[in-house]
Amino acid sequence: HITFDATITWDQHAASGPSVTVKSTAVTSLTIPKRAMAFRVPLPLPLGVLVRRIGSLLTKKALEISLPRFLRQLERDLERWARGGEGDER
């Protein structure tokens, strides 16, 4: 599960002129079904270490795919917003 959140701040009175700041956060979670834990196979690593490594790898791959898409969509939204919200480019 991956959730993205973006907060956009407009500062009309910034020292260098008007500015837009975007703060984005990605939250990931991994759920391992109990059925997967029913198979007791000898593991070379403690189960907690193995789960963390697999979770880390899956999260990295998911973010490699989804983060560029999220940033492209954010860019399109900001461009549309800068034009006054005209049209929908989807």
N, C-alpha and C. Protein backbone atom coordinates (compact mmCIF):
# COMPACT_ATOMS: atom_id res chain seq x y z
N HIS A 1 0.85 -1.17 0.00
CA HIS A 1 0.00 0.00 0.00
C HIS A 1 0.90 1.24 0.00
N ILE A 2 0.66 2.16 -0.92
CA ILE A 2 1.42 3.41 -0.98
C ILE A 2 0.43 4.57 -1.01
N THR A 3 0.66 5.55 -0.16
CA THR A 3 -0.17 6.75 -0.12
C THR A 3 0.72 7.96 -0.31
N PHE A 4 0.33 8.85 -1.21
CA PHE A 4 1.06 10.10 -1.41
C PHE A 4 0.22 11.25 -0.89
N ASP A 5 0.90 12.22 -0.29
CA ASP A 5 0.24 13.42 0.18
C ASP A 5 1.11 14.60 -0.22
N ALA A 6 0.49 15.65 -0.74
CA ALA A 6 1.25 16.83 -1.13
C ALA A 6 0.59 18.06 -0.52
N THR A 7 1.42 18.94 0.04
CA THR A 7 0.96 20.21 0.57
C THR A 7 1.62 21.30 -0.26
N ILE A 8 0.80 22.16 -0.85
CA ILE A 8 1.30 23.24 -1.70
C ILE A 8 1.09 24.56 -0.97
N THR A 9 2.16 25.34 -0.87
CA THR A 9 2.10 26.63 -0.19
C THR A 9 2.49 27.73 -1.16
N TRP A 10 1.68 28.77 -1.22
CA TRP A 10 1.94 29.93 -2.06
C TRP A 10 2.33 31.08 -1.14
N ASP A 11 3.50 31.69 -1.41
CA ASP A 11 3.97 32.84 -0.63
C ASP A 11 4.09 34.04 -1.54
N GLN A 12 3.09 34.89 -1.50
CA GLN A 12 3.04 36.07 -2.36
C GLN A 12 4.10 37.10 -1.96
N HIS A 13 4.51 37.08 -0.69
CA HIS A 13 5.39 38.11 -0.16
C HIS A 13 6.79 37.60 0.18
N ALA A 14 7.26 36.58 -0.50
CA ALA A 14 8.62 36.07 -0.26
C ALA A 14 9.64 37.13 -0.65
N ALA A 15 10.80 37.10 -0.01
CA ALA A 15 11.84 38.11 -0.26
C ALA A 15 12.28 38.14 -1.72
N SER A 16 12.31 36.99 -2.38
CA SER A 16 12.76 36.93 -3.78
C SER A 16 11.60 36.98 -4.77
N GLY A 17 10.42 37.29 -4.30
CA GLY A 17 9.24 37.34 -5.15
C GLY A 17 8.31 36.17 -4.84
N PRO A 18 7.14 36.15 -5.47
CA PRO A 18 6.19 35.06 -5.20
C PRO A 18 6.81 33.69 -5.42
N SER A 19 6.47 32.75 -4.55
CA SER A 19 7.03 31.40 -4.67
C SER A 19 5.99 30.35 -4.30
N VAL A 20 6.21 29.18 -4.85
CA VAL A 20 5.39 28.01 -4.55
C VAL A 20 6.30 26.96 -3.92
N THR A 21 5.85 26.40 -2.80
CA THR A 21 6.60 25.34 -2.14
C THR A 21 5.72 24.10 -2.10
N VAL A 22 6.29 22.96 -2.47
CA VAL A 22 5.55 21.70 -2.45
C VAL A 22 6.28 20.75 -1.51
N LYS A 23 5.54 20.26 -0.52
CA LYS A 23 6.08 19.25 0.39
C LYS A 23 5.27 17.98 0.15
N SER A 24 5.94 16.92 -0.27
CA SER A 24 5.23 15.67 -0.53
C SER A 24 5.76 14.56 0.37
N THR A 25 4.87 13.65 0.71
CA THR A 25 5.19 12.54 1.59
C THR A 25 4.65 11.26 0.97
N ALA A 26 5.44 10.21 1.02
CA ALA A 26 4.98 8.90 0.58
C ALA A 26 5.01 7.97 1.79
N VAL A 27 3.88 7.32 2.06
CA VAL A 27 3.79 6.39 3.18
C VAL A 27 3.54 5.01 2.58
N THR A 28 4.34 4.06 3.00
CA THR A 28 4.19 2.69 2.49
C THR A 28 3.91 1.73 3.63
N SER A 29 3.21 0.65 3.31
CA SER A 29 2.99 -0.40 4.30
C SER A 29 2.98 -1.75 3.60
N LEU A 30 3.32 -2.78 4.33
CA LEU A 30 3.38 -4.13 3.80
C LEU A 30 2.67 -5.06 4.78
N THR A 31 1.73 -5.85 4.28
CA THR A 31 1.01 -6.81 5.11
C THR A 31 1.35 -8.20 4.63
N ILE A 32 1.77 -9.04 5.55
CA ILE A 32 2.10 -10.42 5.22
C ILE A 32 0.97 -11.30 5.73
N PRO A 33 0.29 -12.01 4.82
CA PRO A 33 -0.83 -12.87 5.24
C PRO A 33 -0.35 -13.96 6.20
N LYS A 34 -1.23 -14.32 7.13
CA LYS A 34 -0.88 -15.36 8.10
C LYS A 34 -0.60 -16.70 7.41
N ARG A 35 -1.25 -16.94 6.28
CA ARG A 35 -1.02 -18.19 5.56
C ARG A 35 0.43 -18.31 5.12
N ALA A 36 1.05 -17.20 4.76
CA ALA A 36 2.46 -17.23 4.35
C ALA A 36 3.35 -17.64 5.51
N MET A 37 2.92 -17.34 6.72
CA MET A 37 3.73 -17.67 7.90
C MET A 37 3.54 -19.14 8.31
N ALA A 38 2.53 -19.81 7.74
CA ALA A 38 2.25 -21.20 8.12
C ALA A 38 3.31 -22.16 7.59
N PHE A 39 3.98 -21.78 6.52
CA PHE A 39 5.01 -22.64 5.94
C PHE A 39 6.32 -22.41 6.68
N ARG A 40 6.70 -23.34 7.49
CA ARG A 40 7.93 -23.22 8.29
C ARG A 40 9.09 -23.83 7.51
N VAL A 41 9.80 -22.98 6.80
CA VAL A 41 10.94 -23.41 6.02
C VAL A 41 12.19 -22.89 6.73
N PRO A 42 13.24 -23.70 6.84
CA PRO A 42 14.46 -23.20 7.47
C PRO A 42 15.00 -22.00 6.70
N LEU A 43 15.25 -20.92 7.41
CA LEU A 43 15.72 -19.68 6.78
C LEU A 43 17.14 -19.37 7.23
N PRO A 44 17.95 -18.83 6.32
CA PRO A 44 19.32 -18.51 6.68
C PRO A 44 19.41 -17.26 7.58
N LEU A 45 18.34 -16.49 7.63
CA LEU A 45 18.30 -15.27 8.44
C LEU A 45 17.11 -15.33 9.39
N PRO A 46 17.16 -14.59 10.49
CA PRO A 46 15.97 -14.50 11.34
C PRO A 46 14.80 -13.93 10.53
N LEU A 47 13.61 -14.39 10.81
CA LEU A 47 12.43 -14.01 10.04
C LEU A 47 12.24 -12.49 10.00
N GLY A 48 12.43 -11.80 11.11
CA GLY A 48 12.26 -10.35 11.13
C GLY A 48 13.20 -9.64 10.17
N VAL A 49 14.44 -10.09 10.09
CA VAL A 49 15.42 -9.50 9.17
C VAL A 49 15.00 -9.77 7.73
N LEU A 50 14.57 -10.98 7.46
CA LEU A 50 14.14 -11.35 6.12
C LEU A 50 12.93 -10.52 5.68
N VAL A 51 11.96 -10.38 6.56
CA VAL A 51 10.76 -9.59 6.24
C VAL A 51 11.14 -8.14 5.97
N ARG A 52 12.01 -7.57 6.80
CA ARG A 52 12.43 -6.17 6.59
C ARG A 52 13.16 -6.01 5.26
N ARG A 53 14.01 -6.94 4.91
CA ARG A 53 14.73 -6.86 3.63
C ARG A 53 13.77 -6.96 2.44
N ILE A 54 12.85 -7.90 2.51
CA ILE A 54 11.87 -8.04 1.43
C ILE A 54 11.00 -6.80 1.36
N GLY A 55 10.54 -6.32 2.50
CA GLY A 55 9.72 -5.11 2.53
C GLY A 55 10.45 -3.91 1.97
N SER A 56 11.71 -3.79 2.31
CA SER A 56 12.52 -2.68 1.81
C SER A 56 12.67 -2.76 0.29
N LEU A 57 12.94 -3.94 -0.22
CA LEU A 57 13.09 -4.13 -1.66
C LEU A 57 11.79 -3.83 -2.41
N LEU A 58 10.67 -4.36 -1.89
CA LEU A 58 9.37 -4.10 -2.52
C LEU A 58 9.02 -2.62 -2.50
N THR A 59 9.28 -1.97 -1.38
CA THR A 59 9.00 -0.53 -1.27
C THR A 59 9.85 0.26 -2.25
N LYS A 60 11.13 -0.08 -2.35
CA LYS A 60 12.02 0.63 -3.27
C LYS A 60 11.51 0.50 -4.71
N LYS A 61 11.16 -0.71 -5.11
CA LYS A 61 10.68 -0.94 -6.48
C LYS A 61 9.35 -0.21 -6.72
N ALA A 62 8.46 -0.26 -5.75
CA ALA A 62 7.17 0.42 -5.90
C ALA A 62 7.36 1.92 -6.04
N LEU A 63 8.27 2.49 -5.25
CA LEU A 63 8.53 3.93 -5.34
C LEU A 63 9.22 4.30 -6.65
N GLU A 64 10.09 3.43 -7.17
CA GLU A 64 10.74 3.69 -8.46
C GLU A 64 9.70 3.82 -9.57
N ILE A 65 8.60 3.09 -9.44
CA ILE A 65 7.54 3.15 -10.45
C ILE A 65 6.57 4.30 -10.17
N SER A 66 6.11 4.40 -8.95
CA SER A 66 5.02 5.34 -8.65
C SER A 66 5.48 6.78 -8.41
N LEU A 67 6.65 7.00 -7.87
CA LEU A 67 7.07 8.37 -7.57
C LEU A 67 7.21 9.23 -8.83
N PRO A 68 7.84 8.76 -9.91
CA PRO A 68 7.89 9.59 -11.12
C PRO A 68 6.49 9.91 -11.66
N ARG A 69 5.57 8.96 -11.59
CA ARG A 69 4.19 9.21 -12.04
C ARG A 69 3.54 10.29 -11.17
N PHE A 70 3.72 10.18 -9.87
CA PHE A 70 3.16 11.16 -8.95
C PHE A 70 3.73 12.55 -9.24
N LEU A 71 5.04 12.65 -9.45
CA LEU A 71 5.66 13.95 -9.70
C LEU A 71 5.21 14.53 -11.04
N ARG A 72 5.03 13.69 -12.07
CA ARG A 72 4.51 14.19 -13.36
C ARG A 72 3.09 14.74 -13.19
N GLN A 73 2.27 14.03 -12.44
CA GLN A 73 0.90 14.50 -12.21
C GLN A 73 0.91 15.80 -11.42
N LEU A 74 1.78 15.90 -10.43
CA LEU A 74 1.90 17.12 -9.65
C LEU A 74 2.32 18.29 -10.54
N GLU A 75 3.28 18.03 -11.44
CA GLU A 75 3.72 19.07 -12.37
C GLU A 75 2.57 19.53 -13.27
N ARG A 76 1.81 18.59 -13.80
CA ARG A 76 0.66 18.95 -14.65
C ARG A 76 -0.36 19.76 -13.87
N ASP A 77 -0.62 19.36 -12.63
CA ASP A 77 -1.58 20.09 -11.80
C ASP A 77 -1.10 21.51 -11.53
N LEU A 78 0.19 21.67 -11.24
CA LEU A 78 0.72 23.02 -10.98
C LEU A 78 0.68 23.89 -12.24
N GLU A 79 0.98 23.29 -13.39
CA GLU A 79 0.89 24.05 -14.65
C GLU A 79 -0.54 24.49 -14.91
N ARG A 80 -1.50 23.60 -14.70
CA ARG A 80 -2.91 23.93 -14.90
C ARG A 80 -3.33 25.01 -13.92
N TRP A 81 -2.88 24.90 -12.68
CA TRP A 81 -3.20 25.88 -11.64
C TRP A 81 -2.62 27.25 -12.02
N ALA A 82 -1.38 27.26 -12.55
CA ALA A 82 -0.74 28.52 -12.94
C ALA A 82 -1.49 29.20 -14.09
N ARG A 83 -2.13 28.42 -14.95
CA ARG A 83 -2.90 28.97 -16.07
C ARG A 83 -4.30 29.39 -15.64
N GLY A 84 -4.63 29.16 -14.40
CA GLY A 84 -5.96 29.54 -13.93
C GLY A 84 -6.93 28.38 -13.89
N GLY A 85 -6.42 27.16 -13.99
CA GLY A 85 -7.27 25.99 -13.86
C GLY A 85 -8.09 25.66 -15.09
N GLU A 86 -7.70 26.18 -16.25
CA GLU A 86 -8.46 25.94 -17.48
C GLU A 86 -8.19 24.56 -18.03
N GLY A 87 -9.24 23.85 -18.39
CA GLY A 87 -9.09 22.56 -19.06
C GLY A 87 -8.56 21.47 -18.15
N ASP A 88 -8.65 20.26 -18.64
CA ASP A 88 -8.15 19.10 -17.93
C ASP A 88 -7.30 18.31 -18.89
N GLU A 89 -6.00 18.12 -18.59
CA GLU A 89 -5.04 17.51 -19.52
C GLU A 89 -4.89 16.01 -19.36
N ARG A 90 -5.71 15.35 -18.65
CA ARG A 90 -5.52 13.92 -18.39
C ARG A 90 -5.49 13.12 -19.60
